[in-house]
PDB file of N, CA and C in Angstrom:
ATOM      1  N   MET A   1     -12.775  39.856  -8.634  1.00  0.00           N
ATOM      2  CA  MET A   1     -13.336  39.979  -7.263  1.00  0.00           C
ATOM      3  C   MET A   1     -12.467  39.171  -6.346  1.00  0.00           C
ATOM      4  N   ASN A   2     -12.011  39.732  -5.319  1.00  0.00           N
ATOM      5  CA  ASN A   2     -11.180  39.155  -4.268  1.00  0.00           C
ATOM      6  C   ASN A   2     -11.865  38.755  -3.044  1.00  0.00           C
ATOM      7  N   GLN A   3     -12.593  37.583  -2.994  1.00  0.00           N
ATOM      8  CA  GLN A   3     -13.306  37.208  -1.860  1.00  0.00           C
ATOM      9  C   GLN A   3     -13.158  35.716  -1.519  1.00  0.00           C
ATOM     10  N   PHE A   4     -13.251  35.370  -0.245  1.00  0.00           N
ATOM     11  CA  PHE A   4     -13.366  34.029   0.127  1.00  0.00           C
ATOM     12  C   PHE A   4     -14.467  33.869   1.211  1.00  0.00           C
ATOM     13  N   CYS A   5     -14.997  32.589   1.299  1.00  0.00           N
ATOM     14  CA  CYS A   5     -16.007  32.420   2.319  1.00  0.00           C
ATOM     15  C   CYS A   5     -15.823  30.977   2.869  1.00  0.00           C
ATOM     16  N   PHE A   6     -15.542  30.860   4.263  1.00  0.00           N
ATOM     17  CA  PHE A   6     -15.323  29.591   4.852  1.00  0.00           C
ATOM     18  C   PHE A   6     -16.259  29.381   5.955  1.00  0.00           C
ATOM     19  N   ALA A   7     -16.634  28.112   6.218  1.00  0.00           N
ATOM     20  CA  ALA A   7     -17.289  27.731   7.411  1.00  0.00           C
ATOM     21  C   ALA A   7     -16.398  26.626   8.001  1.00  0.00           C
ATOM     22  N   GLY A   8     -16.085  26.688   9.288  1.00  0.00           N
ATOM     23  CA  GLY A   8     -15.232  25.712   9.896  1.00  0.00           C
ATOM     24  C   GLY A   8     -15.293  25.825  11.399  1.00  0.00           C
ATOM     25  N   LYS A   9     -14.486  24.897  11.912  1.00  0.00           N
ATOM     26  CA  LYS A   9     -14.375  24.808  13.452  1.00  0.00           C
ATOM     27  C   LYS A   9     -13.047  25.531  13.820  1.00  0.00           C
ATOM     28  N   VAL A  10     -13.092  26.162  14.955  1.00  0.00           N
ATOM     29  CA  VAL A  10     -11.944  26.757  15.565  1.00  0.00           C
ATOM     30  C   VAL A  10     -11.046  25.670  15.988  1.00  0.00           C
ATOM     31  N   ALA A  11      -9.804  25.631  15.474  1.00  0.00           N
ATOM     32  CA  ALA A  11      -8.860  24.579  15.743  1.00  0.00           C
ATOM     33  C   ALA A  11      -7.909  24.978  16.864  1.00  0.00           C
ATOM     34  N   ALA A  12      -7.680  26.264  17.223  1.00  0.00           N
ATOM     35  CA  ALA A  12      -6.879  26.753  18.197  1.00  0.00           C
ATOM     36  C   ALA A  12      -7.412  28.047  18.722  1.00  0.00           C
ATOM     37  N   LEU A  13      -7.269  28.362  19.961  1.00  0.00           N
ATOM     38  CA  LEU A  13      -7.776  29.672  20.451  1.00  0.00           C
ATOM     39  C   LEU A  13      -7.137  30.793  19.754  1.00  0.00           C
ATOM     40  N   PRO A  14      -7.928  31.841  19.453  1.00  0.00           N
ATOM     41  CA  PRO A  14      -7.446  32.998  18.624  1.00  0.00           C
ATOM     42  C   PRO A  14      -6.324  33.727  19.444  1.00  0.00           C
ATOM     43  N   THR A  15      -5.403  34.233  18.753  1.00  0.00           N
ATOM     44  CA  THR A  15      -4.398  35.144  19.418  1.00  0.00           C
ATOM     45  C   THR A  15      -4.945  36.516  19.371  1.00  0.00           C
ATOM     46  N   LEU A  16      -4.527  37.405  20.229  1.00  0.00           N
ATOM     47  CA  LEU A  16      -5.009  38.774  20.252  1.00  0.00           C
ATOM     48  C   LEU A  16      -3.826  39.636  20.638  1.00  0.00           C
ATOM     49  N   SER A  17      -3.535  40.626  19.779  1.00  0.00           N
ATOM     50  CA  SER A  17      -2.375  41.542  20.072  1.00  0.00           C
ATOM     51  C   SER A  17      -2.862  43.022  19.574  1.00  0.00           C
ATOM     52  N   THR A  18      -1.961  43.948  19.773  1.00  0.00           N
ATOM     53  CA  THR A  18      -2.211  45.234  19.440  1.00  0.00           C
ATOM     54  C   THR A  18      -1.187  45.665  18.244  1.00  0.00           C
ATOM     55  N   ALA A  19      -1.705  46.119  17.102  1.00  0.00           N
ATOM     56  CA  ALA A  19      -0.893  46.563  16.078  1.00  0.00           C
ATOM     57  C   ALA A  19      -0.243  47.910  16.395  1.00  0.00           C
ATOM     58  N   PRO A  20       0.844  48.303  15.680  1.00  0.00           N
ATOM     59  CA  PRO A  20       1.487  49.579  16.009  1.00  0.00           C
ATOM     60  C   PRO A  20       0.510  50.829  15.900  1.00  0.00           C
ATOM     61  N   GLN A  21      -0.457  50.664  15.157  1.00  0.00           N
ATOM     62  CA  GLN A  21      -1.411  51.746  15.041  1.00  0.00           C
ATOM     63  C   GLN A  21      -2.326  51.862  16.246  1.00  0.00           C
ATOM     64  N   GLY A  22      -2.367  50.810  17.145  1.00  0.00           N
ATOM     65  CA  GLY A  22      -3.242  50.805  18.283  1.00  0.00           C
ATOM     66  C   GLY A  22      -4.458  49.880  17.966  1.00  0.00           C
ATOM     67  N   TRP A  23      -4.611  49.385  16.877  1.00  0.00           N
ATOM     68  CA  TRP A  23      -5.799  48.482  16.593  1.00  0.00           C
ATOM     69  C   TRP A  23      -5.544  47.123  17.134  1.00  0.00           C
ATOM     70  N   LYS A  24      -6.539  46.499  17.582  1.00  0.00           N
ATOM     71  CA  LYS A  24      -6.525  45.044  17.982  1.00  0.00           C
ATOM     72  C   LYS A  24      -6.502  44.179  16.708  1.00  0.00           C
ATOM     73  N   THR A  25      -5.648  43.130  16.785  1.00  0.00           N
ATOM     74  CA  THR A  25      -5.526  42.193  15.662  1.00  0.00           C
ATOM     75  C   THR A  25      -5.425  40.798  16.221  1.00  0.00           C
ATOM     76  N   GLY A  26      -5.783  39.860  15.456  1.00  0.00           N
ATOM     77  CA  GLY A  26      -5.718  38.466  16.009  1.00  0.00           C
ATOM     78  C   GLY A  26      -5.663  37.457  14.828  1.00  0.00           C
ATOM     79  N   THR A  27      -5.347  36.246  15.130  1.00  0.00           N
ATOM     80  CA  THR A  27      -5.387  35.158  14.119  1.00  0.00           C
ATOM     81  C   THR A  27      -6.197  33.981  14.719  1.00  0.00           C
ATOM     82  N   VAL A  28      -6.988  33.417  13.940  1.00  0.00           N
ATOM     83  CA  VAL A  28      -7.757  32.305  14.286  1.00  0.00           C
ATOM     84  C   VAL A  28      -7.398  31.119  13.313  1.00  0.00           C
ATOM     85  N   LEU A  29      -7.252  29.973  13.793  1.00  0.00           N
ATOM     86  CA  LEU A  29      -6.937  28.788  12.965  1.00  0.00           C
ATOM     87  C   LEU A  29      -8.188  28.024  12.777  1.00  0.00           C
ATOM     88  N   LEU A  30      -8.655  27.964  11.471  1.00  0.00           N
ATOM     89  CA  LEU A  30      -9.920  27.280  11.193  1.00  0.00           C
ATOM     90  C   LEU A  30      -9.604  25.877  10.594  1.00  0.00           C
ATOM     91  N   ASP A  31     -10.352  24.891  11.057  1.00  0.00           N
ATOM     92  CA  ASP A  31     -10.403  23.621  10.439  1.00  0.00           C
ATOM     93  C   ASP A  31     -11.538  23.562   9.431  1.00  0.00           C
ATOM     94  N   VAL A  32     -11.222  23.583   8.153  1.00  0.00           N
ATOM     95  CA  VAL A  32     -12.274  23.697   7.118  1.00  0.00           C
ATOM     96  C   VAL A  32     -12.307  22.429   6.322  1.00  0.00           C
ATOM     97  N   GLN A  33     -13.492  21.751   6.299  1.00  0.00           N
ATOM     98  CA  GLN A  33     -13.581  20.538   5.540  1.00  0.00           C
ATOM     99  C   GLN A  33     -13.633  20.694   4.087  1.00  0.00           C
ATOM    100  N   ARG A  34     -12.947  19.845   3.277  1.00  0.00           N
ATOM    101  CA  ARG A  34     -13.074  19.904   1.855  1.00  0.00           C
ATOM    102  C   ARG A  34     -14.302  19.386   1.363  1.00  0.00           C
ATOM    103  N   PRO A  35     -14.814  19.879   0.177  1.00  0.00           N
ATOM    104  CA  PRO A  35     -16.106  19.457  -0.217  1.00  0.00           C
ATOM    105  C   PRO A  35     -16.166  18.112  -0.984  1.00  0.00           C
ATOM    106  N   PHE A  36     -15.119  17.404  -0.962  1.00  0.00           N
ATOM    107  CA  PHE A  36     -15.040  16.085  -1.732  1.00  0.00           C
ATOM    108  C   PHE A  36     -14.340  15.089  -0.913  1.00  0.00           C
ATOM    109  N   ALA A  37     -14.608  13.818  -1.162  1.00  0.00           N
ATOM    110  CA  ALA A  37     -13.973  12.721  -0.423  1.00  0.00           C
ATOM    111  C   ALA A  37     -12.689  12.320  -1.196  1.00  0.00           C
ATOM    112  N   ASN A  38     -11.734  11.776  -0.368  1.00  0.00           N
ATOM    113  CA  ASN A  38     -10.474  11.293  -0.994  1.00  0.00           C
ATOM    114  C   ASN A  38     -10.838   9.824  -1.554  1.00  0.00           C
ATOM    115  N   GLY A  39      -9.834   9.163  -1.984  1.00  0.00           N
ATOM    116  CA  GLY A  39      -9.978   7.787  -2.514  1.00  0.00           C
ATOM    117  C   GLY A  39     -10.496   6.774  -1.551  1.00  0.00           C
ATOM    118  N   ARG A  40     -10.292   7.026  -0.186  1.00  0.00           N
ATOM    119  CA  ARG A  40     -10.785   6.134   0.807  1.00  0.00           C
ATOM    120  C   ARG A  40     -12.187   6.487   1.242  1.00  0.00           C
ATOM    121  N   GLY A  41     -12.740   7.527   0.749  1.00  0.00           N
ATOM    122  CA  GLY A  41     -14.119   7.980   1.057  1.00  0.00           C
ATOM    123  C   GLY A  41     -14.127   8.985   2.250  1.00  0.00           C
ATOM    124  N   ASP A  42     -12.941   9.441   2.673  1.00  0.00           N
ATOM    125  CA  ASP A  42     -12.855  10.255   3.859  1.00  0.00           C
ATOM    126  C   ASP A  42     -12.834  11.752   3.422  1.00  0.00           C
ATOM    127  N   PHE A  43     -13.516  12.617   4.171  1.00  0.00           N
ATOM    128  CA  PHE A  43     -13.418  14.050   3.828  1.00  0.00           C
ATOM    129  C   PHE A  43     -12.301  14.614   4.648  1.00  0.00           C
ATOM    130  N   GLU A  44     -11.254  15.064   3.999  1.00  0.00           N
ATOM    131  CA  GLU A  44     -10.060  15.742   4.603  1.00  0.00           C
ATOM    132  C   GLU A  44     -10.392  17.194   4.887  1.00  0.00           C
ATOM    133  N   SER A  45      -9.617  17.862   5.709  1.00  0.00           N
ATOM    134  CA  SER A  45      -9.761  19.214   5.956  1.00  0.00           C
ATOM    135  C   SER A  45      -8.492  19.895   5.943  1.00  0.00           C
ATOM    136  N   ASP A  46      -8.578  21.305   5.753  1.00  0.00           N
ATOM    137  CA  ASP A  46      -7.375  22.199   5.770  1.00  0.00           C
ATOM    138  C   ASP A  46      -7.389  23.028   7.015  1.00  0.00           C
ATOM    139  N   LEU A  47      -6.179  23.329   7.540  1.00  0.00           N
ATOM    140  CA  LEU A  47      -6.087  24.288   8.642  1.00  0.00           C
ATOM    141  C   LEU A  47      -5.701  25.589   8.100  1.00  0.00           C
ATOM    142  N   LEU A  48      -6.605  26.668   8.210  1.00  0.00           N
ATOM    143  CA  LEU A  48      -6.409  27.846   7.506  1.00  0.00           C
ATOM    144  C   LEU A  48      -6.350  28.967   8.506  1.00  0.00           C
ATOM    145  N   PRO A  49      -5.141  29.649   8.609  1.00  0.00           N
ATOM    146  CA  PRO A  49      -5.010  30.875   9.500  1.00  0.00           C
ATOM    147  C   PRO A  49      -5.628  32.087   8.910  1.00  0.00           C
ATOM    148  N   VAL A  50      -6.541  32.680   9.644  1.00  0.00           N
ATOM    149  CA  VAL A  50      -7.380  33.866   9.210  1.00  0.00           C
ATOM    150  C   VAL A  50      -7.055  35.061  10.079  1.00  0.00           C
ATOM    151  N   GLU A  51      -6.592  36.223   9.479  1.00  0.00           N
ATOM    152  CA  GLU A  51      -6.412  37.369  10.239  1.00  0.00           C
ATOM    153  C   GLU A  51      -7.730  38.070  10.585  1.00  0.00           C
ATOM    154  N   VAL A  52      -7.909  38.689  11.779  1.00  0.00           N
ATOM    155  CA  VAL A  52      -9.086  39.389  12.162  1.00  0.00           C
ATOM    156  C   VAL A  52      -8.616  40.650  12.797  1.00  0.00           C
ATOM    157  N   TRP A  53      -9.318  41.785  12.460  1.00  0.00           N
ATOM    158  CA  TRP A  53      -8.870  43.069  12.870  1.00  0.00           C
ATOM    159  C   TRP A  53      -9.903  43.806  13.735  1.00  0.00           C
ATOM    160  N   ARG A  54      -9.511  44.743  14.534  1.00  0.00           N
ATOM    161  CA  ARG A  54     -10.244  45.679  15.329  1.00  0.00           C
ATOM    162  C   ARG A  54     -11.331  44.976  16.256  1.00  0.00           C
ATOM    163  N   GLY A  55     -12.522  45.447  16.220  1.00  0.00           N
ATOM    164  CA  GLY A  55     -13.613  45.030  17.127  1.00  0.00           C
ATOM    165  C   GLY A  55     -13.871  43.464  16.826  1.00  0.00           C
ATOM    166  N   SER A  56     -13.726  43.104  15.554  1.00  0.00           N
ATOM    167  CA  SER A  56     -14.032  41.677  15.302  1.00  0.00           C
ATOM    168  C   SER A  56     -12.976  40.811  15.972  1.00  0.00           C
ATOM    169  N   ALA A  57     -11.717  41.228  16.097  1.00  0.00           N
ATOM    170  CA  ALA A  57     -10.674  40.391  16.663  1.00  0.00           C
ATOM    171  C   ALA A  57     -10.935  40.347  18.216  1.00  0.00           C
ATOM    172  N   GLU A  58     -11.373  41.338  18.876  1.00  0.00           N
ATOM    173  CA  GLU A  58     -11.703  41.328  20.288  1.00  0.00           C
ATOM    174  C   GLU A  58     -12.913  40.433  20.527  1.00  0.00           C
ATOM    175  N   THR A  59     -13.892  40.603  19.772  1.00  0.00           N
ATOM    176  CA  THR A  59     -15.107  39.781  19.911  1.00  0.00           C
ATOM    177  C   THR A  59     -14.825  38.301  19.723  1.00  0.00           C
ATOM    178  N   LEU A  60     -14.027  38.021  18.717  1.00  0.00           N
ATOM    179  CA  LEU A  60     -13.634  36.541  18.431  1.00  0.00           C
ATOM    180  C   LEU A  60     -12.878  36.025  19.597  1.00  0.00           C
ATOM    181  N   ALA A  61     -11.934  36.732  20.138  1.00  0.00           N
ATOM    182  CA  ALA A  61     -11.064  36.236  21.153  1.00  0.00           C
ATOM    183  C   ALA A  61     -11.845  35.973  22.368  1.00  0.00           C
ATOM    184  N   HIS A  62     -12.945  36.573  22.604  1.00  0.00           N
ATOM    185  CA  HIS A  62     -13.778  36.406  23.858  1.00  0.00           C
ATOM    186  C   HIS A  62     -14.919  35.511  23.683  1.00  0.00           C
ATOM    187  N   CYS A  63     -15.321  35.192  22.492  1.00  0.00           N
ATOM    188  CA  CYS A  63     -16.565  34.499  22.168  1.00  0.00           C
ATOM    189  C   CYS A  63     -16.438  33.010  21.726  1.00  0.00           C
ATOM    190  N   VAL A  64     -15.175  32.569  21.336  1.00  0.00           N
ATOM    191  CA  VAL A  64     -15.133  31.195  20.750  1.00  0.00           C
ATOM    192  C   VAL A  64     -14.225  30.423  21.697  1.00  0.00           C
ATOM    193  N   LYS A  65     -14.352  29.098  21.484  1.00  0.00           N
ATOM    194  CA  LYS A  65     -13.516  28.166  22.089  1.00  0.00           C
ATOM    195  C   LYS A  65     -13.130  27.150  21.044  1.00  0.00           C
ATOM    196  N   ILE A  66     -12.257  26.205  21.348  1.00  0.00           N
ATOM    197  CA  ILE A  66     -11.854  25.264  20.413  1.00  0.00           C
ATOM    198  C   ILE A  66     -13.047  24.341  20.075  1.00  0.00           C
ATOM    199  N   GLY A  67     -13.330  24.158  18.754  1.00  0.00           N
ATOM    200  CA  GLY A  67     -14.460  23.372  18.404  1.00  0.00           C
ATOM    201  C   GLY A  67     -15.642  24.235  18.049  1.00  0.00           C
ATOM    202  N   SER A  68     -15.575  25.602  18.261  1.00  0.00           N
ATOM    203  CA  SER A  68     -16.807  26.435  17.923  1.00  0.00           C
ATOM    204  C   SER A  68     -16.872  26.537  16.408  1.00  0.00           C
ATOM    205  N   TRP A  69     -18.019  26.536  15.897  1.00  0.00           N
ATOM    206  CA  TRP A  69     -18.244  26.746  14.392  1.00  0.00           C
ATOM    207  C   TRP A  69     -18.465  28.243  14.181  1.00  0.00           C
ATOM    208  N   ILE A  70     -17.653  28.758  13.108  1.00  0.00           N
ATOM    209  CA  ILE A  70     -17.850  30.131  12.669  1.00  0.00           C
ATOM    210  C   ILE A  70     -17.827  30.109  11.089  1.00  0.00           C
ATOM    211  N   THR A  71     -18.334  31.145  10.583  1.00  0.00           N
ATOM    212  CA  THR A  71     -18.173  31.421   9.169  1.00  0.00           C
ATOM    213  C   THR A  71     -17.310  32.685   9.034  1.00  0.00           C
ATOM    214  N   VAL A  72     -16.542  32.744   7.996  1.00  0.00           N
ATOM    215  CA  VAL A  72     -15.711  33.936   7.775  1.00  0.00           C
ATOM    216  C   VAL A  72     -15.768  34.290   6.322  1.00  0.00           C
ATOM    217  N   ARG A  73     -15.951  35.584   6.132  1.00  0.00           N
ATOM    218  CA  ARG A  73     -15.906  36.093   4.706  1.00  0.00           C
ATOM    219  C   ARG A  73     -14.836  37.088   4.757  1.00  0.00           C
ATOM    220  N   GLY A  74     -14.014  37.143   3.613  1.00  0.00           N
ATOM    221  CA  GLY A  74     -12.974  38.123   3.587  1.00  0.00           C
ATOM    222  C   GLY A  74     -12.342  38.214   2.273  1.00  0.00           C
ATOM    223  N   ARG A  75     -11.038  38.597   2.352  1.00  0.00           N
ATOM    224  CA  ARG A  75     -10.191  38.772   1.039  1.00  0.00           C
ATOM    225  C   ARG A  75      -8.823  38.236   1.295  1.00  0.00           C
ATOM    226  N   VAL A  76      -8.151  37.961   0.213  1.00  0.00           N
ATOM    227  CA  VAL A  76      -6.752  37.528   0.245  1.00  0.00           C
ATOM    228  C   VAL A  76      -5.871  38.758   0.006  1.00  0.00           C
ATOM    229  N   ALA A  77      -4.917  38.916   0.931  1.00  0.00           N
ATOM    230  CA  ALA A  77      -3.998  40.018   0.778  1.00  0.00           C
ATOM    231  C   ALA A  77      -2.619  39.451   0.535  1.00  0.00           C
ATOM    232  N   SER A  78      -1.840  40.183  -0.198  1.00  0.00           N
ATOM    233  CA  SER A  78      -0.450  39.753  -0.442  1.00  0.00           C
ATOM    234  C   SER A  78       0.543  40.852  -0.097  1.00  0.00           C
ATOM    235  N   ARG A  79       1.765  40.369   0.259  1.00  0.00           N
ATOM    236  CA  ARG A  79       2.847  41.307   0.578  1.00  0.00           C
ATOM    237  C   ARG A  79       4.183  40.604   0.259  1.00  0.00           C
ATOM    238  N   MET A  80       5.173  41.369   0.084  1.00  0.00           N
ATOM    239  CA  MET A  80       6.420  40.805  -0.178  1.00  0.00           C
ATOM    240  C   MET A  80       7.292  40.815   1.097  1.00  0.00           C
ATOM    241  N   VAL A  81       7.917  39.704   1.425  1.00  0.00           N
ATOM    242  CA  VAL A  81       8.822  39.650   2.568  1.00  0.00           C
ATOM    243  C   VAL A  81      10.145  39.130   2.278  1.00  0.00           C
ATOM    244  N   ASP A  82      11.167  39.605   2.970  1.00  0.00           N
ATOM    245  CA  ASP A  82      12.490  39.201   2.769  1.00  0.00           C
ATOM    246  C   ASP A  82      12.740  37.680   3.119  1.00  0.00           C
ATOM    247  N   SER A  83      13.263  36.972   2.148  1.00  0.00           N
ATOM    248  CA  SER A  83      13.437  35.523   2.405  1.00  0.00           C
ATOM    249  C   SER A  83      14.547  35.147   3.294  1.00  0.00           C
ATOM    250  N   GLY A  84      15.402  36.202   3.625  1.00  0.00           N
ATOM    251  CA  GLY A  84      16.605  36.006   4.415  1.00  0.00           C
ATOM    252  C   GLY A  84      17.867  35.911   3.615  1.00  0.00           C
ATOM    253  N   ASN A  85      17.779  35.788   2.312  1.00  0.00           N
ATOM    254  CA  ASN A  85      18.917  35.637   1.553  1.00  0.00           C
ATOM    255  C   ASN A  85      18.956  36.796   0.467  1.00  0.00           C
ATOM    256  N   GLY A  86      18.263  37.946   0.774  1.00  0.00           N
ATOM    257  CA  GLY A  86      18.332  39.141  -0.051  1.00  0.00           C
ATOM    258  C   GLY A  86      17.223  39.108  -1.133  1.00  0.00           C
ATOM    259  N   THR A  87      16.413  38.165  -1.265  1.00  0.00           N
ATOM    260  CA  THR A  87      15.351  38.189  -2.244  1.00  0.00           C
ATOM    261  C   THR A  87      14.040  38.299  -1.522  1.00  0.00           C
ATOM    262  N   GLU A  88      13.060  38.733  -2.192  1.00  0.00           N
ATOM    263  CA  GLU A  88      11.737  38.862  -1.580  1.00  0.00           C
ATOM    264  C   GLU A  88      10.816  37.802  -2.198  1.00  0.00           C
ATOM    265  N   ILE A  89       9.933  37.270  -1.294  1.00  0.00           N
ATOM    266  CA  ILE A  89       8.943  36.303  -1.797  1.00  0.00           C
ATOM    267  C   ILE A  89       7.676  36.831  -1.417  1.00  0.00           C
ATOM    268  N   PRO A  90       6.572  36.461  -2.224  1.00  0.00           N
ATOM    269  CA  PRO A  90       5.199  36.823  -1.960  1.00  0.00           C
ATOM    270  C   PRO A  90       4.642  35.975  -0.735  1.00  0.00           C
ATOM    271  N   VAL A  91       3.882  36.555   0.013  1.00  0.00           N
ATOM    272  CA  VAL A  91       3.182  35.852   1.115  1.00  0.00           C
ATOM    273  C   VAL A  91       1.718  36.238   1.130  1.00  0.00           C
ATOM    274  N   LEU A  92       0.866  35.218   1.123  1.00  0.00           N
ATOM    275  CA  LEU A  92      -0.563  35.489   1.080  1.00  0.00           C
ATOM    276  C   LEU A  92      -1.206  35.385   2.552  1.00  0.00           C
ATOM    277  N   SER A  93      -2.172  36.225   2.820  1.00  0.00           N
ATOM    278  CA  SER A  93      -2.776  36.225   4.126  1.00  0.00           C
ATOM    279  C   SER A  93      -4.400  36.174   3.831  1.00  0.00           C
ATOM    280  N   LEU A  94      -5.070  35.497   4.565  1.00  0.00           N
ATOM    281  CA  LEU A  94      -6.564  35.467   4.530  1.00  0.00           C
ATOM    282  C   LEU A  94      -7.003  36.491   5.646  1.00  0.00           C
ATOM    283  N   VAL A  95      -7.744  37.578   5.145  1.00  0.00           N
ATOM    284  CA  VAL A  95      -8.080  38.705   6.101  1.00  0.00           C
ATOM    285  C   VAL A  95      -9.584  38.670   6.177  1.00  0.00           C
ATOM    286  N   ALA A  96     -10.113  38.466   7.373  1.00  0.00           N
ATOM    287  CA  ALA A  96     -11.553  38.417   7.605  1.00  0.00           C
ATOM    288  C   ALA A  96     -12.116  39.840   7.505  1.00  0.00           C
ATOM    289  N   GLU A  97     -13.308  39.917   6.853  1.00  0.00           N
ATOM    290  CA  GLU A  97     -14.007  41.117   6.819  1.00  0.00           C
ATOM    291  C   GLU A  97     -15.401  41.010   7.514  1.00  0.00           C
ATOM    292  N   LYS A  98     -15.912  39.806   7.650  1.00  0.00           N
ATOM    293  CA  LYS A  98     -17.115  39.522   8.467  1.00  0.00           C
ATOM    294  C   LYS A  98     -17.016  38.100   9.088  1.00  0.00           C
ATOM    295  N   VAL A  99     -17.284  37.995  10.365  1.00  0.00           N
ATOM    296  CA  VAL A  99     -17.283  36.769  11.096  1.00  0.00           C
ATOM    297  C   VAL A  99     -18.669  36.562  11.683  1.00  0.00           C
ATOM    298  N   GLU A 100     -19.171  35.353  11.524  1.00  0.00           N
ATOM    299  CA  GLU A 100     -20.447  34.991  12.125  1.00  0.00           C
ATOM    300  C   GLU A 100     -20.284  33.797  13.015  1.00  0.00           C
ATOM    301  N   TYR A 101     -20.973  33.774  14.012  1.00  0.00           N
ATOM    302  CA  TYR A 101     -20.906  32.657  15.080  1.00  0.00           C
ATOM    303  C   TYR A 101     -22.055  31.706  14.898  1.00  0.00           C
ATOM    304  N   LEU A 102     -21.741  30.377  14.605  1.00  0.00           N
ATOM    305  CA  LEU A 102     -22.878  29.412  14.491  1.00  0.00           C
ATOM    306  C   LEU A 102     -23.129  28.692  15.712  1.00  0.00           C
ATOM    307  N   HIS A 103     -24.297  28.249  15.969  1.00  0.00           N
ATOM    308  CA  HIS A 103     -24.616  27.539  17.235  1.00  0.00           C
ATOM    309  C   HIS A 103     -24.762  26.070  17.050  1.00  0.00           C
TER     310      HIS A 103
END
C-alpha cells in the first residue's frame, strides 16, 4: 500500500500554476513535527513539500496562510530525471489525494 498521512503547519504560501494539460497544480511546504524527542528533549520537525492537483490546489492556495494547520493524505510518486551528466536518478514526490483544513 502506497500511502502517507501528515498533519502539519503551512511553512510557506502554496505555489499555484497550470500544468501543460490545463490542470491547476501547486506545492505546499508543510512543517511536520516528529513523534519523538531528540536527546535534548526537543521535538524536531521536517519540512515536506507536498504536490496538490486540480481543485484541491486552487482551494489550498486561497484558504491557507503561513501557520495554518492542515492534514494531507496521499501517495509517494517516483520518476527518473536526468542528473545532468547523462545518468538518471530517481526523484520522489509526495502527492496529496485529500487535504483537510484544521481550525
